[in-house]
Amino acid sequence: MRLLRTTIIIFLFASCGDKVDRDKLPGRYVFTHWDRDTIDVRNDGTYRHYTFAYGKTLENSGTWKLNSIGNEIQFEDFSFLTDSMPSGNWFSRLRVDGEEIHLMYADDINAYYNKVIELDSVK
């Protein structure tokens, strides 16, 4: 019984991780596996997602919300800018490495959007 309690406590602490404050989220995030895929997260609760493909810029925009309890961000009306998936809500877990914030895409291949500049630098 004591081992079970210890295991549960360790699991709870391991799953908590660093929480991200809403005011630290705004900025430009670039996809680690393809540097032409970018999300600008704005402090007014909107985002702009764009990629460069087929000789042109593809983009969509919408609103975002922070779920601080689940440590995730929800992008509403999000599109991965492909023909194979319709727009919808995308829930991305947030990961913090020191001062770096990452929007997780796929844990199994360590793919994420990495914050590269702060919001006031985004035009």
C-alpha atoms as a PDB file:
ATOM      1  CA  MET A   1       0.000   0.000   0.000  1.00  0.00           C
ATOM      2  CA  ARG A   2       2.814   2.384   0.879  1.00  0.00           C
ATOM      3  CA  LEU A   3       4.498   1.688  -2.466  1.00  0.00           C
ATOM      4  CA  LEU A   4       1.234   2.468  -4.280  1.00  0.00           C
ATOM      5  CA  ARG A   5       0.894   5.823  -2.481  1.00  0.00           C
ATOM      6  CA  THR A   6       4.506   6.730  -3.237  1.00  0.00           C
ATOM      7  CA  THR A   7       4.035   5.822  -6.906  1.00  0.00           C
ATOM      8  CA  ILE A   8       0.891   7.970  -7.152  1.00  0.00           C
ATOM      9  CA  ILE A   9       2.615  10.945  -5.515  1.00  0.00           C
ATOM     10  CA  ILE A  10       5.610  10.658  -7.843  1.00  0.00           C
ATOM     11  CA  PHE A  11       3.276  10.439 -10.846  1.00  0.00           C
ATOM     12  CA  LEU A  12       1.348  13.537  -9.755  1.00  0.00           C
ATOM     13  CA  PHE A  13       4.494  15.613  -9.306  1.00  0.00           C
ATOM     14  CA  ALA A  14       5.949  14.412 -12.608  1.00  0.00           C
ATOM     15  CA  SER A  15       2.783  15.312 -14.510  1.00  0.00           C
ATOM     16  CA  CYS A  16       2.552  18.850 -13.137  1.00  0.00           C
ATOM     17  CA  GLY A  17       5.502  20.424 -14.984  1.00  0.00           C
ATOM     18  CA  ASP A  18       6.090  24.133 -15.310  1.00  0.00           C
ATOM     19  CA  LYS A  19       2.952  26.169 -15.848  1.00  0.00           C
ATOM     20  CA  VAL A  20       2.977  28.940 -18.441  1.00  0.00           C
ATOM     21  CA  ASP A  21       1.577  32.382 -17.617  1.00  0.00           C
ATOM     22  CA  ARG A  22      -0.729  33.824 -20.287  1.00  0.00           C
ATOM     23  CA  ASP A  23       1.425  36.928 -20.691  1.00  0.00           C
ATOM     24  CA  LYS A  24       4.443  34.783 -21.632  1.00  0.00           C
ATOM     25  CA  LEU A  25       2.687  33.046 -24.543  1.00  0.00           C
ATOM     26  CA  PRO A  26       2.530  35.826 -27.165  1.00  0.00           C
ATOM     27  CA  GLY A  27       5.251  35.647 -29.781  1.00  0.00           C
ATOM     28  CA  ARG A  28       6.306  33.890 -32.969  1.00  0.00           C
ATOM     29  CA  TYR A  29       6.593  30.098 -32.941  1.00  0.00           C
ATOM     30  CA  VAL A  30       8.341  28.137 -35.702  1.00  0.00           C
ATOM     31  CA  PHE A  31       7.889  24.414 -36.366  1.00  0.00           C
ATOM     32  CA  THR A  32      11.036  22.433 -35.592  1.00  0.00           C
ATOM     33  CA  HIS A  33      10.691  19.975 -38.465  1.00  0.00           C
ATOM     34  CA  TRP A  34       9.877  22.472 -41.212  1.00  0.00           C
ATOM     35  CA  ASP A  35      10.968  26.080 -40.645  1.00  0.00           C
ATOM     36  CA  ARG A  36       8.406  27.492 -43.077  1.00  0.00           C
ATOM     37  CA  ASP A  37       5.494  26.746 -40.735  1.00  0.00           C
ATOM     38  CA  THR A  38       4.888  29.595 -38.282  1.00  0.00           C
ATOM     39  CA  ILE A  39       2.287  30.652 -35.700  1.00  0.00           C
ATOM     40  CA  ASP A  40       2.078  34.220 -34.395  1.00  0.00           C
ATOM     41  CA  VAL A  41       0.329  34.160 -31.004  1.00  0.00           C
ATOM     42  CA  ARG A  42      -0.911  37.672 -30.183  1.00  0.00           C
ATOM     43  CA  ASN A  43      -1.661  39.071 -26.744  1.00  0.00           C
ATOM     44  CA  ASP A  44      -5.222  40.048 -27.799  1.00  0.00           C
ATOM     45  CA  GLY A  45      -6.204  36.357 -27.964  1.00  0.00           C
ATOM     46  CA  THR A  46      -5.800  35.967 -31.731  1.00  0.00           C
ATOM     47  CA  TYR A  47      -3.300  34.020 -33.789  1.00  0.00           C
ATOM     48  CA  ARG A  48      -2.087  33.892 -37.386  1.00  0.00           C
ATOM     49  CA  HIS A  49      -0.779  30.594 -38.742  1.00  0.00           C
ATOM     50  CA  TYR A  50       1.047  30.528 -42.052  1.00  0.00           C
ATOM     51  CA  THR A  51       3.299  28.354 -44.147  1.00  0.00           C
ATOM     52  CA  PHE A  52       5.102  28.691 -47.433  1.00  0.00           C
ATOM     53  CA  ALA A  53       4.227  25.949 -49.902  1.00  0.00           C
ATOM     54  CA  TYR A  54       3.657  25.541 -53.607  1.00  0.00           C
ATOM     55  CA  GLY A  55       5.280  28.933 -54.268  1.00  0.00           C
ATOM     56  CA  LYS A  56       2.785  30.875 -52.179  1.00  0.00           C
ATOM     57  CA  THR A  57       1.875  31.698 -48.585  1.00  0.00           C
ATOM     58  CA  LEU A  58      -0.988  29.680 -47.097  1.00  0.00           C
ATOM     59  CA  GLU A  59      -2.541  31.073 -43.939  1.00  0.00           C
ATOM     60  CA  ASN A  60      -5.410  31.020 -41.511  1.00  0.00           C
ATOM     61  CA  SER A  61      -6.219  32.849 -38.298  1.00  0.00           C
ATOM     62  CA  GLY A  62      -8.528  32.623 -35.340  1.00  0.00           C
ATOM     63  CA  THR A  63      -8.544  32.903 -31.576  1.00  0.00           C
ATOM     64  CA  TRP A  64      -6.693  31.065 -28.833  1.00  0.00           C
ATOM     65  CA  LYS A  65      -7.343  30.295 -25.176  1.00  0.00           C
ATOM     66  CA  LEU A  66      -5.030  29.138 -22.415  1.00  0.00           C
ATOM     67  CA  ASN A  67      -6.054  26.220 -20.223  1.00  0.00           C
ATOM     68  CA  SER A  68      -3.647  26.849 -17.345  1.00  0.00           C
ATOM     69  CA  ILE A  69      -4.869  23.847 -15.354  1.00  0.00           C
ATOM     70  CA  GLY A  70      -4.132  21.454 -18.213  1.00  0.00           C
ATOM     71  CA  ASN A  71      -1.117  23.535 -19.320  1.00  0.00           C
ATOM     72  CA  GLU A  72      -2.315  23.643 -22.910  1.00  0.00           C
ATOM     73  CA  ILE A  73      -3.332  26.179 -25.512  1.00  0.00           C
ATOM     74  CA  GLN A  74      -6.448  25.825 -27.663  1.00  0.00           C
ATOM     75  CA  PHE A  75      -6.396  27.262 -31.179  1.00  0.00           C
ATOM     76  CA  GLU A  76      -9.934  27.747 -32.526  1.00  0.00           C
ATOM     77  CA  ASP A  77     -10.650  27.397 -36.278  1.00  0.00           C
ATOM     78  CA  PHE A  78      -7.124  26.066 -36.768  1.00  0.00           C
ATOM     79  CA  SER A  79      -5.955  24.496 -40.015  1.00  0.00           C
ATOM     80  CA  PHE A  80      -2.713  22.647 -40.587  1.00  0.00           C
ATOM     81  CA  LEU A  81      -2.929  24.181 -44.083  1.00  0.00           C
ATOM     82  CA  THR A  82      -3.282  20.932 -45.958  1.00  0.00           C
ATOM     83  CA  ASP A  83      -6.109  19.597 -48.075  1.00  0.00           C
ATOM     84  CA  SER A  84      -6.332  16.448 -45.991  1.00  0.00           C
ATOM     85  CA  MET A  85      -7.695  17.937 -42.749  1.00  0.00           C
ATOM     86  CA  PRO A  86     -10.525  20.438 -42.260  1.00  0.00           C
ATOM     87  CA  SER A  87     -10.271  23.377 -39.843  1.00  0.00           C
ATOM     88  CA  GLY A  88     -11.147  22.754 -36.226  1.00  0.00           C
ATOM     89  CA  ASN A  89      -9.821  23.208 -32.728  1.00  0.00           C
ATOM     90  CA  TRP A  90      -6.238  22.209 -32.035  1.00  0.00           C
ATOM     91  CA  PHE A  91      -5.162  21.605 -28.435  1.00  0.00           C
ATOM     92  CA  SER A  92      -1.413  21.848 -27.954  1.00  0.00           C
ATOM     93  CA  ARG A  93       0.284  20.937 -24.713  1.00  0.00           C
ATOM     94  CA  LEU A  94       2.784  23.527 -23.513  1.00  0.00           C
ATOM     95  CA  ARG A  95       6.312  22.513 -22.593  1.00  0.00           C
ATOM     96  CA  VAL A  96       8.782  24.758 -20.801  1.00  0.00           C
ATOM     97  CA  ASP A  97      12.553  24.249 -20.987  1.00  0.00           C
ATOM     98  CA  GLY A  98      14.115  26.922 -18.800  1.00  0.00           C
ATOM     99  CA  GLU A  99      12.942  30.158 -20.430  1.00  0.00           C
ATOM    100  CA  GLU A 100      11.889  28.492 -23.705  1.00  0.00           C
ATOM    101  CA  ILE A 101       8.223  27.775 -24.439  1.00  0.00           C
ATOM    102  CA  HIS A 102       7.220  25.040 -26.885  1.00  0.00           C
ATOM    103  CA  LEU A 103       3.832  24.239 -28.405  1.00  0.00           C
ATOM    104  CA  MET A 104       3.841  20.448 -28.648  1.00  0.00           C
ATOM    105  CA  TYR A 105       2.806  18.861 -31.947  1.00  0.00           C
ATOM    106  CA  ALA A 106       3.900  15.227 -31.551  1.00  0.00           C
ATOM    107  CA  ASP A 107       5.668  13.903 -28.462  1.00  0.00           C
ATOM    108  CA  ASP A 108       6.720  10.635 -30.051  1.00  0.00           C
ATOM    109  CA  ILE A 109       8.926  12.366 -32.644  1.00  0.00           C
ATOM    110  CA  ASN A 110       9.767  15.404 -30.468  1.00  0.00           C
ATOM    111  CA  ALA A 111       8.071  17.789 -32.924  1.00  0.00           C
ATOM    112  CA  TYR A 112       6.968  21.167 -31.637  1.00  0.00           C
ATOM    113  CA  TYR A 113       6.671  24.864 -32.397  1.00  0.00           C
ATOM    114  CA  ASN A 114       9.504  26.747 -30.716  1.00  0.00           C
ATOM    115  CA  LYS A 115       9.048  30.349 -29.608  1.00  0.00           C
ATOM    116  CA  VAL A 116      11.653  32.413 -31.451  1.00  0.00           C
ATOM    117  CA  ILE A 117      10.719  36.060 -30.758  1.00  0.00           C
ATOM    118  CA  GLU A 118       8.543  38.032 -28.387  1.00  0.00           C
ATOM    119  CA  LEU A 119       5.236  39.594 -29.434  1.00  0.00           C
ATOM    120  CA  ASP A 120       6.486  43.186 -29.605  1.00  0.00           C
ATOM    121  CA  SER A 121       8.913  42.064 -32.327  1.00  0.00           C
ATOM    122  CA  VAL A 122       6.118  40.489 -34.400  1.00  0.00           C
ATOM    123  CA  LYS A 123       4.830  42.765 -37.132  1.00  0.00           C
END
